[in-house]
């Protein structure tokens, strides 16, 4: 049977990482695929990420709860909904 064929490859957005690009020749995260998460999905995401004490920071750090909530709203506006997660689709087999 072997390895299943790759049909899609998405880069995920990582606050405090994907927005850093000082070298203009390097690839910047450019979202082109959005997933609506809704208010409950955002609540669950914040709850899950809050378990990572060594990863989360206080506001105004990009990995603060407030910044993550704001980013979900901003990505929602881009996607035409209230809250969304952004991805960059780099490969899709049709």
Protein backbone atom coordinates (compact mmCIF):
# COMPACT_ATOMS: atom_id res chain seq x y z
CA UNK A 1 0.00 0.00 0.00
CA UNK A 2 2.80 2.46 0.83
CA UNK A 3 2.64 6.07 1.88
CA UNK A 4 -0.56 7.96 1.02
CA UNK A 5 -0.23 10.59 -1.70
CA UNK A 6 0.16 14.16 -0.46
CA UNK A 7 -2.89 16.15 -1.52
CA UNK A 8 -2.38 19.43 0.31
CA UNK A 9 0.33 21.22 2.28
CA UNK A 10 -0.54 24.17 4.51
CA UNK A 11 1.80 26.38 6.52
CA UNK A 12 0.24 27.47 9.81
CA UNK A 13 0.61 30.91 11.34
CA UNK A 14 2.82 31.05 14.43
CA UNK A 15 2.56 34.37 16.30
CA UNK A 16 6.00 35.80 17.17
CA UNK A 17 7.55 33.74 14.39
CA UNK A 18 5.77 34.01 11.03
CA UNK A 19 5.63 37.82 11.13
CA UNK A 20 9.45 38.10 11.52
CA UNK A 21 11.25 38.58 8.22
CA UNK A 22 14.00 41.16 8.09
CA UNK A 23 15.58 39.85 4.90
CA UNK A 24 13.47 40.85 1.90
CA UNK A 25 14.69 37.79 -0.02
CA UNK A 26 13.23 35.38 2.53
CA UNK A 27 9.69 34.06 2.29
CA UNK A 28 7.07 35.84 4.36
CA UNK A 29 3.92 34.13 5.61
CA UNK A 30 1.18 35.07 3.14
CA UNK A 31 -2.18 33.62 4.20
CA UNK A 32 -4.41 32.48 1.37
CA UNK A 33 -6.54 29.88 3.16
CA UNK A 34 -8.77 30.64 6.15
CA UNK A 35 -10.77 28.42 8.48
CA UNK A 36 -13.64 29.88 10.49
CA UNK A 37 -13.22 28.91 14.14
CA UNK A 38 -16.12 30.76 15.78
CA UNK A 39 -16.22 32.17 19.29
CA UNK A 40 -16.24 28.71 20.90
CA UNK A 41 -13.25 27.61 18.80
CA UNK A 42 -11.34 30.72 19.86
CA UNK A 43 -12.22 30.04 23.49
CA UNK A 44 -10.92 26.45 23.19
CA UNK A 45 -7.73 27.63 21.47
CA UNK A 46 -7.00 30.16 24.22
CA UNK A 47 -7.76 27.52 26.85
CA UNK A 48 -5.40 25.00 25.21
CA UNK A 49 -2.58 27.51 24.69
CA UNK A 50 -2.89 28.74 28.27
CA UNK A 51 -1.63 25.31 29.37
CA UNK A 52 1.76 26.22 27.85
CA UNK A 53 3.12 28.52 30.56
CA UNK A 54 6.59 28.59 29.02
CA UNK A 55 5.22 29.64 25.64
CA UNK A 56 2.58 32.24 26.45
CA UNK A 57 3.62 35.79 27.32
CA UNK A 58 1.96 38.89 28.70
CA UNK A 59 0.45 41.56 26.46
CA UNK A 60 1.61 43.17 24.15
CA UNK A 61 3.65 40.10 23.10
CA UNK A 62 2.27 38.36 19.97
CA UNK A 63 1.79 35.15 21.99
CA UNK A 64 -0.37 36.82 24.64
CA UNK A 65 -4.02 35.85 24.97
CA UNK A 66 -5.12 39.36 23.98
CA UNK A 67 -2.95 39.33 20.84
CA UNK A 68 -4.17 35.86 19.82
CA UNK A 69 -7.79 36.98 20.23
CA UNK A 70 -7.08 40.11 18.19
CA UNK A 71 -5.39 38.08 15.46
CA UNK A 72 -8.39 35.73 15.27
CA UNK A 73 -10.67 38.75 14.82
CA UNK A 74 -8.38 40.26 12.16
CA UNK A 75 -8.17 36.97 10.26
CA UNK A 76 -11.95 36.69 10.57
CA UNK A 77 -12.35 40.09 8.94
CA UNK A 78 -10.11 38.96 6.08
CA UNK A 79 -12.19 35.78 5.69
CA UNK A 80 -15.60 37.42 6.05
CA UNK A 81 -16.49 35.92 9.43
CA UNK A 82 -16.02 36.76 13.11
CA UNK A 83 -13.01 34.58 13.99
CA UNK A 84 -10.64 32.61 11.76
CA UNK A 85 -7.30 30.83 11.61
CA UNK A 86 -5.00 31.69 8.69
CA UNK A 87 -2.89 29.27 6.69
CA UNK A 88 -0.76 29.49 3.59
CA UNK A 89 -1.56 26.81 1.06
CA UNK A 90 1.74 26.00 -0.64
CA UNK A 91 0.62 22.87 -2.46
CA UNK A 92 -2.73 21.41 -3.51
CA UNK A 93 -3.27 18.52 -5.88
CA UNK A 94 -6.51 18.86 -7.79
